[in-house]
Amino acid sequence: MSTGSFLEQLVRDTRKPEAEVLALAVEAGVRQLWREHVLGQYLRGEISRQQAAETVGMDWVDMAERQRRAMEEDLEWGLAKTSSP
């Protein structure tokens, strides 16, 4: 589905004006971008765990840490596979 199709469906289903649905979408998108920005700062060591948790919530910090661990484990596995005979 295209973005336009999603928008049309949301307008129909929510019975809200297109402008309101678009405003909500922009707000949700900006929040997501902000959350990703803050979590990136935390994972790069630019802000503390506490600062990140206060800004975006501990659940998001925990999830970012789990995702990072999973990525590191996958990377280690891949590197081990390429270095074995």
PDB file of N, CA and C in Angstrom:
ATOM      1  N   MET A   1       0.841  -1.190   0.000  1.00  0.00           N
ATOM      2  CA  MET A   1       0.000   0.000   0.000  1.00  0.00           C
ATOM      3  C   MET A   1       0.880   1.245   0.000  1.00  0.00           C
ATOM      4  N   SER A   2       0.390   2.269  -0.637  1.00  0.00           N
ATOM      5  CA  SER A   2       1.130   3.530  -0.687  1.00  0.00           C
ATOM      6  C   SER A   2       0.744   4.403   0.508  1.00  0.00           C
ATOM      7  N   THR A   3       1.541   5.425   0.744  1.00  0.00           N
ATOM      8  CA  THR A   3       1.248   6.361   1.833  1.00  0.00           C
ATOM      9  C   THR A   3      -0.118   7.009   1.627  1.00  0.00           C
ATOM     10  N   GLY A   4      -0.415   7.346   0.380  1.00  0.00           N
ATOM     11  CA  GLY A   4      -1.721   7.937   0.082  1.00  0.00           C
ATOM     12  C   GLY A   4      -2.860   6.999   0.422  1.00  0.00           C
ATOM     13  N   SER A   5      -2.674   5.727   0.143  1.00  0.00           N
ATOM     14  CA  SER A   5      -3.702   4.731   0.472  1.00  0.00           C
ATOM     15  C   SER A   5      -3.890   4.618   1.977  1.00  0.00           C
ATOM     16  N   PHE A   6      -2.758   4.614   2.708  1.00  0.00           N
ATOM     17  CA  PHE A   6      -2.852   4.568   4.176  1.00  0.00           C
ATOM     18  C   PHE A   6      -3.631   5.768   4.689  1.00  0.00           C
ATOM     19  N   LEU A   7      -3.309   6.935   4.143  1.00  0.00           N
ATOM     20  CA  LEU A   7      -3.977   8.164   4.558  1.00  0.00           C
ATOM     21  C   LEU A   7      -5.473   8.091   4.278  1.00  0.00           C
ATOM     22  N   GLU A   8      -5.830   7.689   3.077  1.00  0.00           N
ATOM     23  CA  GLU A   8      -7.251   7.572   2.726  1.00  0.00           C
ATOM     24  C   GLU A   8      -7.978   6.615   3.669  1.00  0.00           C
ATOM     25  N   GLN A   9      -7.351   5.476   3.963  1.00  0.00           N
ATOM     26  CA  GLN A   9      -7.967   4.492   4.856  1.00  0.00           C
ATOM     27  C   GLN A   9      -8.147   5.055   6.260  1.00  0.00           C
ATOM     28  N   LEU A  10      -7.130   5.760   6.764  1.00  0.00           N
ATOM     29  CA  LEU A  10      -7.224   6.357   8.093  1.00  0.00           C
ATOM     30  C   LEU A  10      -8.317   7.417   8.158  1.00  0.00           C
ATOM     31  N   VAL A  11      -8.413   8.234   7.113  1.00  0.00           N
ATOM     32  CA  VAL A  11      -9.455   9.255   7.067  1.00  0.00           C
ATOM     33  C   VAL A  11     -10.829   8.600   7.111  1.00  0.00           C
ATOM     34  N   ARG A  12     -10.995   7.554   6.313  1.00  0.00           N
ATOM     35  CA  ARG A  12     -12.288   6.833   6.304  1.00  0.00           C
ATOM     36  C   ARG A  12     -12.572   6.183   7.650  1.00  0.00           C
ATOM     37  N   ASP A  13     -11.602   5.451   8.160  1.00  0.00           N
ATOM     38  CA  ASP A  13     -11.823   4.673   9.380  1.00  0.00           C
ATOM     39  C   ASP A  13     -12.001   5.534  10.623  1.00  0.00           C
ATOM     40  N   THR A  14     -11.265   6.626  10.699  1.00  0.00           N
ATOM     41  CA  THR A  14     -11.338   7.484  11.893  1.00  0.00           C
ATOM     42  C   THR A  14     -12.402   8.563  11.781  1.00  0.00           C
ATOM     43  N   ARG A  15     -12.859   8.782  10.539  1.00  0.00           N
ATOM     44  CA  ARG A  15     -13.841   9.845  10.267  1.00  0.00           C
ATOM     45  C   ARG A  15     -13.328  11.211  10.719  1.00  0.00           C
ATOM     46  N   LYS A  16     -12.021  11.376  10.580  1.00  0.00           N
ATOM     47  CA  LYS A  16     -11.397  12.659  10.903  1.00  0.00           C
ATOM     48  C   LYS A  16     -11.015  13.333   9.590  1.00  0.00           C
ATOM     49  N   PRO A  17     -10.951  14.655   9.605  1.00  0.00           N
ATOM     50  CA  PRO A  17     -10.521  15.361   8.390  1.00  0.00           C
ATOM     51  C   PRO A  17      -9.083  14.979   8.037  1.00  0.00           C
ATOM     52  N   GLU A  18      -8.800  14.999   6.741  1.00  0.00           N
ATOM     53  CA  GLU A  18      -7.460  14.644   6.275  1.00  0.00           C
ATOM     54  C   GLU A  18      -6.386  15.487   6.956  1.00  0.00           C
ATOM     55  N   ALA A  19      -6.647  16.766   7.143  1.00  0.00           N
ATOM     56  CA  ALA A  19      -5.662  17.655   7.767  1.00  0.00           C
ATOM     57  C   ALA A  19      -5.350  17.202   9.192  1.00  0.00           C
ATOM     58  N   GLU A  20      -6.360  16.750   9.917  1.00  0.00           N
ATOM     59  CA  GLU A  20      -6.138  16.285  11.285  1.00  0.00           C
ATOM     60  C   GLU A  20      -5.334  14.987  11.300  1.00  0.00           C
ATOM     61  N   VAL A  21      -5.649  14.078  10.381  1.00  0.00           N
ATOM     62  CA  VAL A  21      -4.909  12.820  10.286  1.00  0.00           C
ATOM     63  C   VAL A  21      -3.451  13.115   9.929  1.00  0.00           C
ATOM     64  N   LEU A  22      -3.233  14.029   9.000  1.00  0.00           N
ATOM     65  CA  LEU A  22      -1.864  14.402   8.638  1.00  0.00           C
ATOM     66  C   LEU A  22      -1.122  15.032   9.815  1.00  0.00           C
ATOM     67  N   ALA A  23      -1.796  15.871  10.571  1.00  0.00           N
ATOM     68  CA  ALA A  23      -1.164  16.499  11.736  1.00  0.00           C
ATOM     69  C   ALA A  23      -0.769  15.435  12.762  1.00  0.00           C
ATOM     70  N   LEU A  24      -1.647  14.467  12.978  1.00  0.00           N
ATOM     71  CA  LEU A  24      -1.337  13.378  13.904  1.00  0.00           C
ATOM     72  C   LEU A  24      -0.155  12.546  13.397  1.00  0.00           C
ATOM     73  N   ALA A  25      -0.121  12.324  12.097  1.00  0.00           N
ATOM     74  CA  ALA A  25       0.976  11.549  11.510  1.00  0.00           C
ATOM     75  C   ALA A  25       2.310  12.282  11.662  1.00  0.00           C
ATOM     76  N   VAL A  26       2.303  13.574  11.430  1.00  0.00           N
ATOM     77  CA  VAL A  26       3.531  14.360  11.587  1.00  0.00           C
ATOM     78  C   VAL A  26       3.976  14.325  13.050  1.00  0.00           C
ATOM     79  N   GLU A  27       3.041  14.502  13.959  1.00  0.00           N
ATOM     80  CA  GLU A  27       3.367  14.468  15.388  1.00  0.00           C
ATOM     81  C   GLU A  27       3.968  13.112  15.771  1.00  0.00           C
ATOM     82  N   ALA A  28       3.347  12.029  15.333  1.00  0.00           N
ATOM     83  CA  ALA A  28       3.854  10.686  15.638  1.00  0.00           C
ATOM     84  C   ALA A  28       5.235  10.486  15.028  1.00  0.00           C
ATOM     85  N   GLY A  29       5.431  10.956  13.818  1.00  0.00           N
ATOM     86  CA  GLY A  29       6.717  10.816  13.161  1.00  0.00           C
ATOM     87  C   GLY A  29       7.817  11.593  13.852  1.00  0.00           C
ATOM     88  N   VAL A  30       7.514  12.798  14.279  1.00  0.00           N
ATOM     89  CA  VAL A  30       8.504  13.622  14.979  1.00  0.00           C
ATOM     90  C   VAL A  30       8.862  12.981  16.317  1.00  0.00           C
ATOM     91  N   ARG A  31       7.875  12.445  17.016  1.00  0.00           N
ATOM     92  CA  ARG A  31       8.152  11.750  18.290  1.00  0.00           C
ATOM     93  C   ARG A  31       9.059  10.553  18.060  1.00  0.00           C
ATOM     94  N   GLN A  32       8.789   9.792  17.007  1.00  0.00           N
ATOM     95  CA  GLN A  32       9.614   8.626  16.681  1.00  0.00           C
ATOM     96  C   GLN A  32      11.044   9.050  16.359  1.00  0.00           C
ATOM     97  N   LEU A  33      11.191  10.092  15.552  1.00  0.00           N
ATOM     98  CA  LEU A  33      12.526  10.584  15.208  1.00  0.00           C
ATOM     99  C   LEU A  33      13.271  11.072  16.447  1.00  0.00           C
ATOM    100  N   TRP A  34      12.559  11.756  17.335  1.00  0.00           N
ATOM    101  CA  TRP A  34      13.177  12.252  18.570  1.00  0.00           C
ATOM    102  C   TRP A  34      13.634  11.086  19.430  1.00  0.00           C
ATOM    103  N   ARG A  35      12.786  10.082  19.571  1.00  0.00           N
ATOM    104  CA  ARG A  35      13.116   8.901  20.371  1.00  0.00           C
ATOM    105  C   ARG A  35      14.367   8.211  19.798  1.00  0.00           C
ATOM    106  N   GLU A  36      14.404   8.044  18.483  1.00  0.00           N
ATOM    107  CA  GLU A  36      15.561   7.417  17.848  1.00  0.00           C
ATOM    108  C   GLU A  36      16.821   8.252  18.038  1.00  0.00           C
ATOM    109  N   HIS A  37      16.674   9.561  17.978  1.00  0.00           N
ATOM    110  CA  HIS A  37      17.807  10.463  18.184  1.00  0.00           C
ATOM    111  C   HIS A  37      18.371  10.303  19.595  1.00  0.00           C
ATOM    112  N   VAL A  38      17.497  10.332  20.590  1.00  0.00           N
ATOM    113  CA  VAL A  38      17.923  10.221  21.988  1.00  0.00           C
ATOM    114  C   VAL A  38      18.557   8.852  22.243  1.00  0.00           C
ATOM    115  N   LEU A  39      17.931   7.794  21.742  1.00  0.00           N
ATOM    116  CA  LEU A  39      18.487   6.450  21.948  1.00  0.00           C
ATOM    117  C   LEU A  39      19.835   6.311  21.240  1.00  0.00           C
ATOM    118  N   GLY A  40      19.983   6.921  20.089  1.00  0.00           N
ATOM    119  CA  GLY A  40      21.277   6.916  19.405  1.00  0.00           C
ATOM    120  C   GLY A  40      22.341   7.615  20.237  1.00  0.00           C
ATOM    121  N   GLN A  41      21.988   8.748  20.818  1.00  0.00           N
ATOM    122  CA  GLN A  41      22.929   9.458  21.685  1.00  0.00           C
ATOM    123  C   GLN A  41      23.359   8.565  22.848  1.00  0.00           C
ATOM    124  N   TYR A  42      22.399   7.882  23.436  1.00  0.00           N
ATOM    125  CA  TYR A  42      22.704   6.995  24.560  1.00  0.00           C
ATOM    126  C   TYR A  42      23.633   5.862  24.124  1.00  0.00           C
ATOM    127  N   LEU A  43      23.293   5.205  23.030  1.00  0.00           N
ATOM    128  CA  LEU A  43      24.085   4.060  22.581  1.00  0.00           C
ATOM    129  C   LEU A  43      25.494   4.473  22.135  1.00  0.00           C
ATOM    130  N   ARG A  44      25.665   5.708  21.713  1.00  0.00           N
ATOM    131  CA  ARG A  44      26.998   6.215  21.346  1.00  0.00           C
ATOM    132  C   ARG A  44      27.757   6.756  22.555  1.00  0.00           C
ATOM    133  N   GLY A  45      27.129   6.734  23.732  1.00  0.00           N
ATOM    134  CA  GLY A  45      27.780   7.211  24.948  1.00  0.00           C
ATOM    135  C   GLY A  45      27.768   8.712  25.114  1.00  0.00           C
ATOM    136  N   GLU A  46      26.903   9.396  24.379  1.00  0.00           N
ATOM    137  CA  GLU A  46      26.851  10.854  24.442  1.00  0.00           C
ATOM    138  C   GLU A  46      25.991  11.356  25.596  1.00  0.00           C
ATOM    139  N   ILE A  47      25.055  10.539  26.037  1.00  0.00           N
ATOM    140  CA  ILE A  47      24.245  10.872  27.216  1.00  0.00           C
ATOM    141  C   ILE A  47      24.173   9.615  28.090  1.00  0.00           C
ATOM    142  N   SER A  48      23.836   9.809  29.336  1.00  0.00           N
ATOM    143  CA  SER A  48      23.778   8.686  30.268  1.00  0.00           C
ATOM    144  C   SER A  48      22.493   7.872  30.093  1.00  0.00           C
ATOM    145  N   ARG A  49      22.525   6.680  30.638  1.00  0.00           N
ATOM    146  CA  ARG A  49      21.345   5.814  30.626  1.00  0.00           C
ATOM    147  C   ARG A  49      20.188   6.520  31.330  1.00  0.00           C
ATOM    148  N   GLN A  50      20.502   7.148  32.434  1.00  0.00           N
ATOM    149  CA  GLN A  50      19.486   7.872  33.206  1.00  0.00           C
ATOM    150  C   GLN A  50      18.860   8.998  32.380  1.00  0.00           C
ATOM    151  N   GLN A  51      19.692   9.761  31.674  1.00  0.00           N
ATOM    152  CA  GLN A  51      19.171  10.842  30.844  1.00  0.00           C
ATOM    153  C   GLN A  51      18.255  10.290  29.751  1.00  0.00           C
ATOM    154  N   ALA A  52      18.691   9.212  29.125  1.00  0.00           N
ATOM    155  CA  ALA A  52      17.871   8.605  28.075  1.00  0.00           C
ATOM    156  C   ALA A  52      16.547   8.122  28.640  1.00  0.00           C
ATOM    157  N   ALA A  53      16.598   7.457  29.794  1.00  0.00           N
ATOM    158  CA  ALA A  53      15.378   6.934  30.405  1.00  0.00           C
ATOM    159  C   ALA A  53      14.426   8.063  30.799  1.00  0.00           C
ATOM    160  N   GLU A  54      14.960   9.142  31.304  1.00  0.00           N
ATOM    161  CA  GLU A  54      14.123  10.284  31.683  1.00  0.00           C
ATOM    162  C   GLU A  54      13.487  10.927  30.456  1.00  0.00           C
ATOM    163  N   THR A  55      14.172  10.868  29.328  1.00  0.00           N
ATOM    164  CA  THR A  55      13.682  11.525  28.121  1.00  0.00           C
ATOM    165  C   THR A  55      12.687  10.672  27.352  1.00  0.00           C
ATOM    166  N   VAL A  56      13.008   9.394  27.160  1.00  0.00           N
ATOM    167  CA  VAL A  56      12.148   8.550  26.318  1.00  0.00           C
ATOM    168  C   VAL A  56      11.473   7.406  27.068  1.00  0.00           C
ATOM    169  N   GLY A  57      11.889   7.152  28.286  1.00  0.00           N
ATOM    170  CA  GLY A  57      11.284   6.079  29.079  1.00  0.00           C
ATOM    171  C   GLY A  57      12.181   4.851  29.143  1.00  0.00           C
ATOM    172  N   MET A  58      12.146   4.188  30.285  1.00  0.00           N
ATOM    173  CA  MET A  58      13.011   3.042  30.516  1.00  0.00           C
ATOM    174  C   MET A  58      12.709   1.878  29.577  1.00  0.00           C
ATOM    175  N   ASP A  59      11.442   1.694  29.214  1.00  0.00           N
ATOM    176  CA  ASP A  59      11.106   0.604  28.293  1.00  0.00           C
ATOM    177  C   ASP A  59      11.838   0.753  26.967  1.00  0.00           C
ATOM    178  N   TRP A  60      11.921   1.971  26.457  1.00  0.00           N
ATOM    179  CA  TRP A  60      12.610   2.211  25.187  1.00  0.00           C
ATOM    180  C   TRP A  60      14.112   1.992  25.334  1.00  0.00           C
ATOM    181  N   VAL A  61      14.674   2.402  26.464  1.00  0.00           N
ATOM    182  CA  VAL A  61      16.105   2.204  26.709  1.00  0.00           C
ATOM    183  C   VAL A  61      16.404   0.708  26.794  1.00  0.00           C
ATOM    184  N   ASP A  62      15.581  -0.026  27.533  1.00  0.00           N
ATOM    185  CA  ASP A  62      15.768  -1.479  27.639  1.00  0.00           C
ATOM    186  C   ASP A  62      15.692  -2.140  26.264  1.00  0.00           C
ATOM    187  N   MET A  63      14.730  -1.736  25.455  1.00  0.00           N
ATOM    188  CA  MET A  63      14.585  -2.325  24.129  1.00  0.00           C
ATOM    189  C   MET A  63      15.812  -2.014  23.254  1.00  0.00           C
ATOM    190  N   ALA A  64      16.305  -0.791  23.324  1.00  0.00           N
ATOM    191  CA  ALA A  64      17.487  -0.420  22.541  1.00  0.00           C
ATOM    192  C   ALA A  64      18.688  -1.252  22.970  1.00  0.00           C
ATOM    193  N   GLU A  65      18.824  -1.482  24.255  1.00  0.00           N
ATOM    194  CA  GLU A  65      19.933  -2.299  24.747  1.00  0.00           C
ATOM    195  C   GLU A  65      19.799  -3.750  24.271  1.00  0.00           C
ATOM    196  N   ARG A  66      18.596  -4.296  24.304  1.00  0.00           N
ATOM    197  CA  ARG A  66      18.375  -5.669  23.820  1.00  0.00           C
ATOM    198  C   ARG A  66      18.684  -5.769  22.327  1.00  0.00           C
ATOM    199  N   GLN A  67      18.255  -4.781  21.573  1.00  0.00           N
ATOM    200  CA  GLN A  67      18.520  -4.792  20.139  1.00  0.00           C
ATOM    201  C   GLN A  67      20.018  -4.685  19.860  1.00  0.00           C
ATOM    202  N   ARG A  68      20.689  -3.869  20.621  1.00  0.00           N
ATOM    203  CA  ARG A  68      22.134  -3.731  20.443  1.00  0.00           C
ATOM    204  C   ARG A  68      22.843  -5.048  20.755  1.00  0.00           C
ATOM    205  N   ARG A  69      22.460  -5.697  21.868  1.00  0.00           N
ATOM    206  CA  ARG A  69      23.064  -6.988  22.223  1.00  0.00           C
ATOM    207  C   ARG A  69      22.824  -8.019  21.127  1.00  0.00           C
ATOM    208  N   ALA A  70      21.607  -8.057  20.609  1.00  0.00           N
ATOM    209  CA  ALA A  70      21.284  -9.013  19.545  1.00  0.00           C
ATOM    210  C   ALA A  70      22.123  -8.739  18.306  1.00  0.00           C
ATOM    211  N   MET A  71      22.286  -7.482  17.950  1.00  0.00           N
ATOM    212  CA  MET A  71      23.096  -7.127  16.790  1.00  0.00           C
ATOM    213  C   MET A  71      24.556  -7.514  17.020  1.00  0.00           C
ATOM    214  N   GLU A  72      25.074  -7.275  18.214  1.00  0.00           N
ATOM    215  CA  GLU A  72      26.461  -7.625  18.521  1.00  0.00           C
ATOM    216  C   GLU A  72      26.665  -9.138  18.476  1.00  0.00           C
ATOM    217  N   GLU A  73      25.689  -9.890  18.995  1.00  0.00           N
ATOM    218  CA  GLU A  73      25.775 -11.356  18.945  1.00  0.00           C
ATOM    219  C   GLU A  73      25.753 -11.847  17.502  1.00  0.00           C
ATOM    220  N   ASP A  74      24.891 -11.268  16.689  1.00  0.00           N
ATOM    221  CA  ASP A  74      24.834 -11.644  15.268  1.00  0.00           C
ATOM    222  C   ASP A  74      26.151 -11.319  14.571  1.00  0.00           C
ATOM    223  N   LEU A  75      26.721 -10.179  14.876  1.00  0.00           N
ATOM    224  CA  LEU A  75      27.979  -9.777  14.274  1.00  0.00           C
ATOM    225  C   LEU A  75      29.095 -10.732  14.679  1.00  0.00           C
ATOM    226  N   GLU A  76      29.159 -11.071  15.975  1.00  0.00           N
ATOM    227  CA  GLU A  76      30.170 -12.022  16.446  1.00  0.00           C
ATOM    228  C   GLU A  76      30.004 -13.366  15.751  1.00  0.00           C
ATOM    229  N   TRP A  77      28.784 -13.832  15.617  1.00  0.00           N
ATOM    230  CA  TRP A  77      28.518 -15.099  14.951  1.00  0.00           C
ATOM    231  C   TRP A  77      28.983 -15.043  13.503  1.00  0.00           C
ATOM    232  N   GLY A  78      28.650 -13.960  12.820  1.00  0.00           N
ATOM    233  CA  GLY A  78      29.037 -13.814  11.423  1.00  0.00           C
ATOM    234  C   GLY A  78      30.536 -13.747  11.250  1.00  0.00           C
ATOM    235  N   LEU A  79      31.212 -13.029  12.130  1.00  0.00           N
ATOM    236  CA  LEU A  79      32.663 -12.937  12.049  1.00  0.00           C
ATOM    237  C   LEU A  79      33.317 -14.289  12.339  1.00  0.00           C
ATOM    238  N   ALA A  80      32.762 -15.030  13.278  1.00  0.00           N
ATOM    239  CA  ALA A  80      33.298 -16.362  13.596  1.00  0.00           C
ATOM    240  C   ALA A  80      33.123 -17.296  12.415  1.00  0.00           C
ATOM    241  N   LYS A  81      32.002 -17.191  11.716  1.00  0.00           N
ATOM    242  CA  LYS A  81      31.735 -18.054  10.561  1.00  0.00           C
ATOM    243  C   LYS A  81      32.699 -17.746   9.410  1.00  0.00           C
ATOM    244  N   THR A  82      33.041 -16.480   9.223  1.00  0.00           N
ATOM    245  CA  THR A  82      33.919 -16.113   8.107  1.00  0.00           C
ATOM    246  C   THR A  82      35.365 -16.421   8.405  1.00  0.00           C
ATOM    247  N   SER A  83      35.732 -16.507   9.696  1.00  0.00           N
ATOM    248  CA  SER A  83      37.131 -16.773  10.027  1.00  0.00           C
ATOM    249  C   SER A  83      37.414 -18.265  10.217  1.00  0.00           C
ATOM    250  N   SER A  84      36.374 -19.091  10.253  1.00  0.00           N
ATOM    251  CA  SER A  84      36.593 -20.535  10.409  1.00  0.00           C
ATOM    252  C   SER A  84      36.862 -21.152   9.046  1.00  0.00           C
ATOM    253  N   PRO A  85      37.711 -22.226   9.044  1.00  0.00           N
ATOM    254  CA  PRO A  85      38.086 -22.835   7.754  1.00  0.00           C
ATOM    255  C   PRO A  85      36.970 -23.478   7.015  1.00  0.00           C
TER     256      PRO A  85
END
